[in-house]
């Protein structure tokens, strides 16, 4: 029998699925396990769908996923996608949904002290900030906006720099590659994303701050900062404890939220929000995010056992 749902019912089903994922993870961690039985089943099924050998045990499955992580210094757009059949891709996406890496996530609360917007490529930062604007228009409030980015040098073909400059200072300036308005780093682009985005006047009046992590020289290359590094750069300023809304996009929310929770000073609470993942995106991008999430869950479990 075919069941038809209106858009509101479909949204409720998606939201309930994501809430269940967060609930199951929290419940599993509270019980001393890293994942619930349902999550272990989904993870094992995903590994089987990709032909990845594993034991149905948390640490074994975490190790099995680490092959999908990017090499040090490698960006997401530099990774070749996994070669899967249409049937394999369908199964993998099904299990990723069950694990909570696909669905849109909206906060339960309506009031936060901080909105933490995580850095990324320029198009992704624009998308994340537009999502935050939409939440404001839907009644979600926050007292301060914090951009957490890095000193990653921009790439015109990836960051679409000309389009950003055009939005801020005009089309003619965007064509001049030496124009002083052209941003050179992710942090500079974050400032221009903020300037270029339309938002209600009361949201524009909120204080906004920009933090970034520096690049580090590692023998033969510059290593940019990551989510943990940029969050630490803000924490070093001793912000007043309060509630924080983490703004990302799928499939990255789970691992970024886990990293931030590990670094949170006492007195802070968090919720996460993210736009739905692109169903046509590269599977390897989802699997990289999954591997990072599981790796950081494993870190938390190891810390608990050490305590």
C-alpha atoms as a PDB file:
ATOM      1  CA  UNK A   1       0.000   0.000   0.000  1.00  0.00           C
ATOM      2  CA  UNK A   2       1.348   3.443  -0.936  1.00  0.00           C
ATOM      3  CA  UNK A   3       1.144   6.188   1.686  1.00  0.00           C
ATOM      4  CA  UNK A   4       1.091   9.821   0.629  1.00  0.00           C
ATOM      5  CA  UNK A   5       2.335  12.543   2.963  1.00  0.00           C
ATOM      6  CA  UNK A   6       1.955  16.280   2.615  1.00  0.00           C
ATOM      7  CA  UNK A   7       5.139  18.429   2.871  1.00  0.00           C
ATOM      8  CA  UNK A   8       4.545  19.167   6.571  1.00  0.00           C
ATOM      9  CA  UNK A   9       4.164  15.467   7.412  1.00  0.00           C
ATOM     10  CA  UNK A  10       7.315  14.627   5.452  1.00  0.00           C
ATOM     11  CA  UNK A  11       9.227  17.293   7.357  1.00  0.00           C
ATOM     12  CA  UNK A  12       7.952  15.938  10.693  1.00  0.00           C
ATOM     13  CA  UNK A  13       9.097  12.450   9.741  1.00  0.00           C
ATOM     14  CA  UNK A  14      12.577  13.713   8.756  1.00  0.00           C
ATOM     15  CA  UNK A  15      12.912  15.758  11.943  1.00  0.00           C
ATOM     16  CA  UNK A  16      11.757  12.890  14.153  1.00  0.00           C
ATOM     17  CA  UNK A  17      14.324  10.625  12.513  1.00  0.00           C
ATOM     18  CA  UNK A  18      17.178  13.026  13.245  1.00  0.00           C
ATOM     19  CA  UNK A  19      15.992  13.617  16.822  1.00  0.00           C
ATOM     20  CA  UNK A  20      15.931   9.836  17.290  1.00  0.00           C
ATOM     21  CA  UNK A  21      19.544   9.619  16.073  1.00  0.00           C
ATOM     22  CA  UNK A  22      20.737  12.194  18.617  1.00  0.00           C
ATOM     23  CA  UNK A  23      18.663  10.489  21.355  1.00  0.00           C
ATOM     24  CA  UNK A  24      20.059   7.042  20.593  1.00  0.00           C
ATOM     25  CA  UNK A  25      23.643   8.331  20.570  1.00  0.00           C
ATOM     26  CA  UNK A  26      23.188  10.157  23.878  1.00  0.00           C
ATOM     27  CA  UNK A  27      21.519   7.101  25.410  1.00  0.00           C
ATOM     28  CA  UNK A  28      24.297   4.807  24.223  1.00  0.00           C
ATOM     29  CA  UNK A  29      27.031   7.073  25.591  1.00  0.00           C
ATOM     30  CA  UNK A  30      25.222   7.358  28.924  1.00  0.00           C
ATOM     31  CA  UNK A  31      25.079   3.561  29.175  1.00  0.00           C
ATOM     32  CA  UNK A  32      28.823   3.236  28.554  1.00  0.00           C
ATOM     33  CA  UNK A  33      28.543   2.274  24.904  1.00  0.00           C
ATOM     34  CA  UNK A  34      29.455   4.432  21.931  1.00  0.00           C
ATOM     35  CA  UNK A  35      26.490   3.605  19.665  1.00  0.00           C
ATOM     36  CA  UNK A  36      23.095   2.030  20.213  1.00  0.00           C
ATOM     37  CA  UNK A  37      22.287  -1.421  18.840  1.00  0.00           C
ATOM     38  CA  UNK A  38      20.247   0.200  16.059  1.00  0.00           C
ATOM     39  CA  UNK A  39      23.164   2.418  15.101  1.00  0.00           C
ATOM     40  CA  UNK A  40      25.601  -0.504  15.206  1.00  0.00           C
ATOM     41  CA  UNK A  41      23.261  -2.427  12.902  1.00  0.00           C
ATOM     42  CA  UNK A  42      23.099   0.470  10.426  1.00  0.00           C
ATOM     43  CA  UNK A  43      26.872   0.971  10.513  1.00  0.00           C
ATOM     44  CA  UNK A  44      27.529  -2.735   9.965  1.00  0.00           C
ATOM     45  CA  UNK A  45      25.056  -2.787   7.061  1.00  0.00           C
ATOM     46  CA  UNK A  46      26.761   0.236   5.498  1.00  0.00           C
ATOM     47  CA  UNK A  47      30.172  -1.403   5.731  1.00  0.00           C
ATOM     48  CA  UNK A  48      28.771  -4.569   4.174  1.00  0.00           C
ATOM     49  CA  UNK A  49      27.183  -2.554   1.362  1.00  0.00           C
ATOM     50  CA  UNK A  50      30.610  -1.117   0.485  1.00  0.00           C
ATOM     51  CA  UNK A  51      32.315  -4.504   0.735  1.00  0.00           C
ATOM     52  CA  UNK A  52      34.363  -3.451   3.769  1.00  0.00           C
ATOM     53  CA  UNK A  53      35.526  -6.304   6.055  1.00  0.00           C
ATOM     54  CA  UNK A  54      34.712  -5.746   9.731  1.00  0.00           C
ATOM     55  CA  UNK A  55      33.556  -7.273  12.982  1.00  0.00           C
ATOM     56  CA  UNK A  56      30.238  -6.091  14.367  1.00  0.00           C
ATOM     57  CA  UNK A  57      31.935  -4.346  17.264  1.00  0.00           C
ATOM     58  CA  UNK A  58      32.368  -0.604  17.728  1.00  0.00           C
ATOM     59  CA  UNK A  59      36.162  -0.305  17.652  1.00  0.00           C
ATOM     60  CA  UNK A  60      36.469  -2.708  14.726  1.00  0.00           C
ATOM     61  CA  UNK A  61      33.918  -0.758  12.699  1.00  0.00           C
ATOM     62  CA  UNK A  62      35.521   2.587  13.557  1.00  0.00           C
ATOM     63  CA  UNK A  63      38.858   1.305  12.285  1.00  0.00           C
ATOM     64  CA  UNK A  64      37.190  -0.006   9.125  1.00  0.00           C
ATOM     65  CA  UNK A  65      35.818   3.453   8.311  1.00  0.00           C
ATOM     66  CA  UNK A  66      39.127   5.279   8.714  1.00  0.00           C
ATOM     67  CA  UNK A  67      40.163   4.309   5.169  1.00  0.00           C
ATOM     68  CA  UNK A  68      37.667   6.932   3.958  1.00  0.00           C
ATOM     69  CA  UNK A  69      39.286   9.862   5.731  1.00  0.00           C
ATOM     70  CA  UNK A  70      41.240  12.414   3.742  1.00  0.00           C
ATOM     71  CA  UNK A  71      45.002  12.391   3.828  1.00  0.00           C
ATOM     72  CA  UNK A  72      46.667  15.149   5.914  1.00  0.00           C
ATOM     73  CA  UNK A  73      46.569  18.381   3.927  1.00  0.00           C
ATOM     74  CA  UNK A  74      44.003  17.046   1.449  1.00  0.00           C
ATOM     75  CA  UNK A  75      40.809  19.041   0.844  1.00  0.00           C
ATOM     76  CA  UNK A  76      37.418  17.438   0.285  1.00  0.00           C
ATOM     77  CA  UNK A  77      37.227  18.482  -3.355  1.00  0.00           C
ATOM     78  CA  UNK A  78      40.560  16.767  -3.997  1.00  0.00           C
ATOM     79  CA  UNK A  79      39.296  13.294  -3.061  1.00  0.00           C
ATOM     80  CA  UNK A  80      38.142  10.834  -5.722  1.00  0.00           C
ATOM     81  CA  UNK A  81      34.701   9.382  -5.144  1.00  0.00           C
ATOM     82  CA  UNK A  82      34.119   5.771  -4.208  1.00  0.00           C
ATOM     83  CA  UNK A  83      33.172   3.555  -7.142  1.00  0.00           C
ATOM     84  CA  UNK A  84      29.779   2.076  -6.291  1.00  0.00           C
ATOM     85  CA  UNK A  85      26.975   0.592  -8.326  1.00  0.00           C
ATOM     86  CA  UNK A  86      23.574   2.351  -8.279  1.00  0.00           C
ATOM     87  CA  UNK A  87      22.268  -0.323  -5.936  1.00  0.00           C
ATOM     88  CA  UNK A  88      25.238   0.072  -3.594  1.00  0.00           C
ATOM     89  CA  UNK A  89      24.841   3.858  -3.565  1.00  0.00           C
ATOM     90  CA  UNK A  90      21.150   3.485  -2.730  1.00  0.00           C
ATOM     91  CA  UNK A  91      21.934   1.174   0.186  1.00  0.00           C
ATOM     92  CA  UNK A  92      24.741   3.387   1.493  1.00  0.00           C
ATOM     93  CA  UNK A  93      22.516   6.485   1.473  1.00  0.00           C
ATOM     94  CA  UNK A  94      19.788   4.546   3.275  1.00  0.00           C
ATOM     95  CA  UNK A  95      22.177   3.605   6.077  1.00  0.00           C
ATOM     96  CA  UNK A  96      23.661   7.126   6.233  1.00  0.00           C
ATOM     97  CA  UNK A  97      20.138   8.463   6.735  1.00  0.00           C
ATOM     98  CA  UNK A  98      19.605   5.999   9.572  1.00  0.00           C
ATOM     99  CA  UNK A  99      22.843   7.184  11.169  1.00  0.00           C
ATOM    100  CA  UNK A 100      21.779  10.847  10.965  1.00  0.00           C
ATOM    101  CA  UNK A 101      24.118  12.241   8.285  1.00  0.00           C
ATOM    102  CA  UNK A 102      21.513  13.246   5.697  1.00  0.00           C
ATOM    103  CA  UNK A 103      18.493  14.896   7.271  1.00  0.00           C
ATOM    104  CA  UNK A 104      18.000  18.586   7.949  1.00  0.00           C
ATOM    105  CA  UNK A 105      18.397  19.472  11.622  1.00  0.00           C
ATOM    106  CA  UNK A 106      16.587  22.304  13.388  1.00  0.00           C
ATOM    107  CA  UNK A 107      17.064  23.395  17.000  1.00  0.00           C
ATOM    108  CA  UNK A 108      14.494  22.618  19.669  1.00  0.00           C
ATOM    109  CA  UNK A 109      15.135  25.841  21.587  1.00  0.00           C
ATOM    110  CA  UNK A 110      14.265  29.316  20.360  1.00  0.00           C
ATOM    111  CA  UNK A 111      16.814  31.347  22.328  1.00  0.00           C
ATOM    112  CA  UNK A 112      20.616  31.066  22.396  1.00  0.00           C
ATOM    113  CA  UNK A 113      23.462  33.181  23.683  1.00  0.00           C
ATOM    114  CA  UNK A 114      25.651  32.412  20.655  1.00  0.00           C
ATOM    115  CA  UNK A 115      25.277  31.271  17.055  1.00  0.00           C
ATOM    116  CA  UNK A 116      28.525  29.562  16.036  1.00  0.00           C
ATOM    117  CA  UNK A 117      28.866  29.483  12.260  1.00  0.00           C
ATOM    118  CA  UNK A 118      31.595  27.094  11.128  1.00  0.00           C
ATOM    119  CA  UNK A 119      33.882  28.031   8.260  1.00  0.00           C
ATOM    120  CA  UNK A 120      34.013  26.217   4.919  1.00  0.00           C
ATOM    121  CA  UNK A 121      34.270  27.029   1.231  1.00  0.00           C
ATOM    122  CA  UNK A 122      32.578  30.310   0.350  1.00  0.00           C
ATOM    123  CA  UNK A 123      29.439  28.721  -1.223  1.00  0.00           C
ATOM    124  CA  UNK A 124      29.014  26.516   1.844  1.00  0.00           C
ATOM    125  CA  UNK A 125      29.503  29.417   4.274  1.00  0.00           C
ATOM    126  CA  UNK A 126      26.891  31.388   2.329  1.00  0.00           C
ATOM    127  CA  UNK A 127      24.507  28.452   2.544  1.00  0.00           C
ATOM    128  CA  UNK A 128      25.095  28.036   6.280  1.00  0.00           C
ATOM    129  CA  UNK A 129      24.624  31.718   7.007  1.00  0.00           C
ATOM    130  CA  UNK A 130      21.475  31.853   4.882  1.00  0.00           C
ATOM    131  CA  UNK A 131      20.168  28.928   6.943  1.00  0.00           C
ATOM    132  CA  UNK A 132      20.829  30.965  10.077  1.00  0.00           C
ATOM    133  CA  UNK A 133      18.944  33.929   8.596  1.00  0.00           C
ATOM    134  CA  UNK A 134      16.005  31.634   7.831  1.00  0.00           C
ATOM    135  CA  UNK A 135      15.989  30.382  11.430  1.00  0.00           C
ATOM    136  CA  UNK A 136      15.901  34.017  12.635  1.00  0.00           C
ATOM    137  CA  UNK A 137      12.929  34.690  10.383  1.00  0.00           C
ATOM    138  CA  UNK A 138      11.252  31.618  11.896  1.00  0.00           C
ATOM    139  CA  UNK A 139      11.661  32.971  15.418  1.00  0.00           C
ATOM    140  CA  UNK A 140      14.985  31.565  16.627  1.00  0.00           C
ATOM    141  CA  UNK A 141      17.033  34.187  18.483  1.00  0.00           C
ATOM    142  CA  UNK A 142      20.682  34.539  19.524  1.00  0.00           C
ATOM    143  CA  UNK A 143      22.582  37.374  21.188  1.00  0.00           C
ATOM    144  CA  UNK A 144      25.841  37.162  19.245  1.00  0.00           C
ATOM    145  CA  UNK A 145      27.047  35.668  15.955  1.00  0.00           C
ATOM    146  CA  UNK A 146      30.481  34.017  15.945  1.00  0.00           C
ATOM    147  CA  UNK A 147      32.184  33.028  12.677  1.00  0.00           C
ATOM    148  CA  UNK A 148      34.778  30.281  13.249  1.00  0.00           C
ATOM    149  CA  UNK A 149      36.988  29.928  10.193  1.00  0.00           C
ATOM    150  CA  UNK A 150      40.637  29.557   9.219  1.00  0.00           C
ATOM    151  CA  UNK A 151      43.438  31.052   7.185  1.00  0.00           C
ATOM    152  CA  UNK A 152      42.925  28.661   4.263  1.00  0.00           C
ATOM    153  CA  UNK A 153      43.933  30.434   1.031  1.00  0.00           C
ATOM    154  CA  UNK A 154      40.929  30.780  -1.271  1.00  0.00           C
ATOM    155  CA  UNK A 155      40.733  29.058  -4.659  1.00  0.00           C
ATOM    156  CA  UNK A 156      38.710  30.958  -7.248  1.00  0.00           C
ATOM    157  CA  UNK A 157      37.287  27.833  -8.898  1.00  0.00           C
ATOM    158  CA  UNK A 158      36.187  26.329  -5.571  1.00  0.00           C
ATOM    159  CA  UNK A 159      35.289  29.430  -3.559  1.00  0.00           C
ATOM    160  CA  UNK A 160      33.717  31.360  -6.462  1.00  0.00           C
ATOM    161  CA  UNK A 161      35.528  34.485  -5.296  1.00  0.00           C
ATOM    162  CA  UNK A 162      34.397  36.665  -8.195  1.00  0.00           C
ATOM    163  CA  UNK A 163      30.742  36.118  -7.354  1.00  0.00           C
ATOM    164  CA  UNK A 164      31.348  37.095  -3.714  1.00  0.00           C
ATOM    165  CA  UNK A 165      33.268  40.269  -4.623  1.00  0.00           C
ATOM    166  CA  UNK A 166      30.537  41.162  -7.109  1.00  0.00           C
ATOM    167  CA  UNK A 167      27.883  40.925  -4.398  1.00  0.00           C
ATOM    168  CA  UNK A 168      29.832  43.249  -2.096  1.00  0.00           C
ATOM    169  CA  UNK A 169      31.484  45.879  -4.317  1.00  0.00           C
ATOM    170  CA  UNK A 170      30.144  45.328  -7.823  1.00  0.00           C
ATOM    171  CA  UNK A 171      30.777  43.293 -10.970  1.00  0.00           C
ATOM    172  CA  UNK A 172      33.608  45.407 -12.377  1.00  0.00           C
ATOM    173  CA  UNK A 173      35.726  44.961  -9.260  1.00  0.00           C
ATOM    174  CA  UNK A 174      35.104  41.210  -9.279  1.00  0.00           C
ATOM    175  CA  UNK A 175      36.844  40.884 -12.669  1.00  0.00           C
ATOM    176  CA  UNK A 176      40.042  42.501 -11.406  1.00  0.00           C
ATOM    177  CA  UNK A 177      42.119  39.757  -9.760  1.00  0.00           C
ATOM    178  CA  UNK A 178      44.301  42.414  -8.108  1.00  0.00           C
ATOM    179  CA  UNK A 179      41.389  44.438  -6.737  1.00  0.00           C
ATOM    180  CA  UNK A 180      41.911  45.280  -3.078  1.00  0.00           C
ATOM    181  CA  UNK A 181      38.438  43.995  -2.234  1.00  0.00           C
ATOM    182  CA  UNK A 182      39.288  40.411  -3.198  1.00  0.00           C
ATOM    183  CA  UNK A 183      39.485  38.191  -0.101  1.00  0.00           C
ATOM    184  CA  UNK A 184      42.613  36.081   0.214  1.00  0.00           C
ATOM    185  CA  UNK A 185      41.601  33.731   3.030  1.00  0.00           C
ATOM    186  CA  UNK A 186      38.560  31.933   4.391  1.00  0.00           C
ATOM    187  CA  UNK A 187      38.368  34.383   7.311  1.00  0.00           C
ATOM    188  CA  UNK A 188      38.292  37.390   4.960  1.00  0.00           C
ATOM    189  CA  UNK A 189      35.637  35.641   2.864  1.00  0.00           C
ATOM    190  CA  UNK A 190      33.560  35.052   6.008  1.00  0.00           C
ATOM    191  CA  UNK A 191      33.449  38.808   6.622  1.00  0.00           C
ATOM    192  CA  UNK A 192      32.300  39.382   3.037  1.00  0.00           C
ATOM    193  CA  UNK A 193      29.671  36.645   3.279  1.00  0.00           C
ATOM    194  CA  UNK A 194      28.263  38.499   6.269  1.00  0.00           C
ATOM    195  CA  UNK A 195      28.318  41.827   4.392  1.00  0.00           C
ATOM    196  CA  UNK A 196      26.718  40.362   1.269  1.00  0.00           C
ATOM    197  CA  UNK A 197      23.852  38.480   2.943  1.00  0.00           C
ATOM    198  CA  UNK A 198      20.471  40.141   3.256  1.00  0.00           C
ATOM    199  CA  UNK A 199      18.916  39.795   6.698  1.00  0.00           C
ATOM    200  CA  UNK A 200      16.323  41.531   8.887  1.00  0.00           C
ATOM    201  CA  UNK A 201      17.465  44.784  10.479  1.00  0.00           C
ATOM    202  CA  UNK A 202      17.182  43.420  14.024  1.00  0.00           C
ATOM    203  CA  UNK A 203      19.477  40.512  13.102  1.00  0.00           C
ATOM    204  CA  UNK A 204      21.958  42.917  11.461  1.00  0.00           C
ATOM    205  CA  UNK A 205      22.088  44.838  14.751  1.00  0.00           C
ATOM    206  CA  UNK A 206      23.412  41.794  16.650  1.00  0.00           C
ATOM    207  CA  UNK A 207      27.149  41.862  17.490  1.00  0.00           C
ATOM    208  CA  UNK A 208      29.236  39.665  15.197  1.00  0.00           C
ATOM    209  CA  UNK A 209      32.808  38.461  15.709  1.00  0.00           C
ATOM    210  CA  UNK A 210      35.244  36.603  13.451  1.00  0.00           C
ATOM    211  CA  UNK A 211      37.788  34.078  14.712  1.00  0.00           C
ATOM    212  CA  UNK A 212      40.214  31.940  12.771  1.00  0.00           C
ATOM    213  CA  UNK A 213      42.908  29.357  13.298  1.00  0.00           C
ATOM    214  CA  UNK A 214      46.357  29.953  11.824  1.00  0.00           C
ATOM    215  CA  UNK A 215      48.127  27.643   9.415  1.00  0.00           C
ATOM    216  CA  UNK A 216      51.035  25.560  10.738  1.00  0.00           C
ATOM    217  CA  UNK A 217      54.228  24.614   8.925  1.00  0.00           C
ATOM    218  CA  UNK A 218      54.718  20.817   8.890  1.00  0.00           C
ATOM    219  CA  UNK A 219      58.145  19.986   7.413  1.00  0.00           C
ATOM    220  CA  UNK A 220      57.073  20.294   3.776  1.00  0.00           C
ATOM    221  CA  UNK A 221      53.652  21.960   3.709  1.00  0.00           C
ATOM    222  CA  UNK A 222      51.293  24.402   5.367  1.00  0.00           C
ATOM    223  CA  UNK A 223      48.536  22.695   7.369  1.00  0.00           C
ATOM    224  CA  UNK A 224      45.340  24.692   7.809  1.00  0.00           C
ATOM    225  CA  UNK A 225      43.366  24.605  11.036  1.00  0.00           C
ATOM    226  CA  UNK A 226      40.268  22.443  11.489  1.00  0.00           C
ATOM    227  CA  UNK A 227      37.003  22.694  13.430  1.00  0.00           C
ATOM    228  CA  UNK A 228      38.719  22.009  16.748  1.00  0.00           C
ATOM    229  CA  UNK A 229      41.430  24.613  16.098  1.00  0.00           C
ATOM    230  CA  UNK A 230      39.018  27.395  15.134  1.00  0.00           C
ATOM    231  CA  UNK A 231      36.764  26.665  18.114  1.00  0.00           C
ATOM    232  CA  UNK A 232      39.764  26.782  20.461  1.00  0.00           C
ATOM    233  CA  UNK A 233      40.699  30.200  19.069  1.00  0.00           C
ATOM    234  CA  UNK A 234      37.349  31.506  20.291  1.00  0.00           C
ATOM    235  CA  UNK A 235      37.476  29.688  23.649  1.00  0.00           C
ATOM    236  CA  UNK A 236      40.837  31.337  24.369  1.00  0.00           C
ATOM    237  CA  UNK A 237      39.004  34.679  24.604  1.00  0.00           C
ATOM    238  CA  UNK A 238      37.101  33.344  27.667  1.00  0.00           C
ATOM    239  CA  UNK A 239      33.541  33.864  26.377  1.00  0.00           C
ATOM    240  CA  UNK A 240      30.817  34.022  28.991  1.00  0.00           C
ATOM    241  CA  UNK A 241      29.288  30.529  29.474  1.00  0.00           C
ATOM    242  CA  UNK A 242      25.907  30.069  27.861  1.00  0.00           C
ATOM    243  CA  UNK A 243      23.958  28.265  25.177  1.00  0.00           C
ATOM    244  CA  UNK A 244      25.415  27.903  21.696  1.00  0.00           C
ATOM    245  CA  UNK A 245      23.749  27.018  18.393  1.00  0.00           C
ATOM    246  CA  UNK A 246      26.230  25.218  16.102  1.00  0.00           C
ATOM    247  CA  UNK A 247      25.525  26.044  12.446  1.00  0.00           C
ATOM    248  CA  UNK A 248      26.805  23.577   9.866  1.00  0.00           C
ATOM    249  CA  UNK A 249      25.393  21.498   7.039  1.00  0.00           C
ATOM    250  CA  UNK A 250      25.007  17.782   6.501  1.00  0.00           C
ATOM    251  CA  UNK A 251      26.834  15.441   6.510  1.00  0.00           C
ATOM    252  CA  UNK A 252      29.246  17.386   8.758  1.00  0.00           C
ATOM    253  CA  UNK A 253      27.091  18.312  11.760  1.00  0.00           C
ATOM    254  CA  UNK A 254      27.559  15.178  13.874  1.00  0.00           C
ATOM    255  CA  UNK A 255      31.342  15.191  13.866  1.00  0.00           C
ATOM    256  CA  UNK A 256      31.623  18.975  14.240  1.00  0.00           C
ATOM    257  CA  UNK A 257      29.178  18.984  17.127  1.00  0.00           C
ATOM    258  CA  UNK A 258      31.085  16.126  18.791  1.00  0.00           C
ATOM    259  CA  UNK A 259      34.416  17.980  18.443  1.00  0.00           C
ATOM    260  CA  UNK A 260      32.963  21.185  19.880  1.00  0.00           C
ATOM    261  CA  UNK A 261      31.360  19.360  22.811  1.00  0.00           C
ATOM    262  CA  UNK A 262      34.758  17.865  23.688  1.00  0.00           C
ATOM    263  CA  UNK A 263      36.277  21.364  23.844  1.00  0.00           C
ATOM    264  CA  UNK A 264      33.422  23.146  25.616  1.00  0.00           C
ATOM    265  CA  UNK A 265      34.327  24.948  28.833  1.00  0.00           C
ATOM    266  CA  UNK A 266      32.142  24.333  31.867  1.00  0.00           C
ATOM    267  CA  UNK A 267      28.772  26.081  31.780  1.00  0.00           C
ATOM    268  CA  UNK A 268      28.135  25.762  28.039  1.00  0.00           C
ATOM    269  CA  UNK A 269      25.361  23.846  26.328  1.00  0.00           C
ATOM    270  CA  UNK A 270      24.920  23.254  22.592  1.00  0.00           C
ATOM    271  CA  UNK A 271      22.404  22.359  19.942  1.00  0.00           C
ATOM    272  CA  UNK A 272      23.150  21.784  16.286  1.00  0.00           C
ATOM    273  CA  UNK A 273      21.422  22.899  13.125  1.00  0.00           C
ATOM    274  CA  UNK A 274      22.158  22.026   9.520  1.00  0.00           C
ATOM    275  CA  UNK A 275      20.666  22.007   6.086  1.00  0.00           C
ATOM    276  CA  UNK A 276      19.919  18.672   4.462  1.00  0.00           C
ATOM    277  CA  UNK A 277      22.777  17.003   2.598  1.00  0.00           C
ATOM    278  CA  UNK A 278      22.931  17.120  -1.187  1.00  0.00           C
ATOM    279  CA  UNK A 279      21.497  13.751  -2.336  1.00  0.00           C
ATOM    280  CA  UNK A 280      23.689  13.929  -5.455  1.00  0.00           C
ATOM    281  CA  UNK A 281      26.879  14.663  -3.525  1.00  0.00           C
ATOM    282  CA  UNK A 282      29.960  12.461  -3.582  1.00  0.00           C
ATOM    283  CA  UNK A 283      29.563   9.402  -1.384  1.00  0.00           C
ATOM    284  CA  UNK A 284      33.159   9.727  -0.215  1.00  0.00           C
ATOM    285  CA  UNK A 285      32.294  13.109   1.354  1.00  0.00           C
ATOM    286  CA  UNK A 286      29.586  11.432   3.471  1.00  0.00           C
ATOM    287  CA  UNK A 287      31.920   8.586   4.409  1.00  0.00           C
ATOM    288  CA  UNK A 288      34.716  10.995   5.363  1.00  0.00           C
ATOM    289  CA  UNK A 289      32.296  12.814   7.686  1.00  0.00           C
ATOM    290  CA  UNK A 290      31.098   9.485   9.107  1.00  0.00           C
ATOM    291  CA  UNK A 291      34.682   8.360   9.769  1.00  0.00           C
ATOM    292  CA  UNK A 292      35.521  11.650  11.509  1.00  0.00           C
ATOM    293  CA  UNK A 293      32.399  11.429  13.704  1.00  0.00           C
ATOM    294  CA  UNK A 294      33.153   7.846  14.743  1.00  0.00           C
ATOM    295  CA  UNK A 295      36.821   8.674  15.356  1.00  0.00           C
ATOM    296  CA  UNK A 296      35.829  11.480  17.703  1.00  0.00           C
ATOM    297  CA  UNK A 297      33.239   9.321  19.455  1.00  0.00           C
ATOM    298  CA  UNK A 298      36.023   6.802  20.016  1.00  0.00           C
ATOM    299  CA  UNK A 299      38.178   9.570  21.507  1.00  0.00           C
ATOM    300  CA  UNK A 300      35.418  10.462  23.955  1.00  0.00           C
ATOM    301  CA  UNK A 301      34.919   6.829  24.974  1.00  0.00           C
ATOM    302  CA  UNK A 302      38.669   6.416  25.544  1.00  0.00           C
ATOM    303  CA  UNK A 303      38.708   9.520  27.726  1.00  0.00           C
ATOM    304  CA  UNK A 304      35.810   8.163  29.782  1.00  0.00           C
ATOM    305  CA  UNK A 305      37.558   4.840  30.280  1.00  0.00           C
ATOM    306  CA  UNK A 306      40.754   6.633  31.322  1.00  0.00           C
ATOM    307  CA  UNK A 307      38.794   8.627  33.918  1.00  0.00           C
END
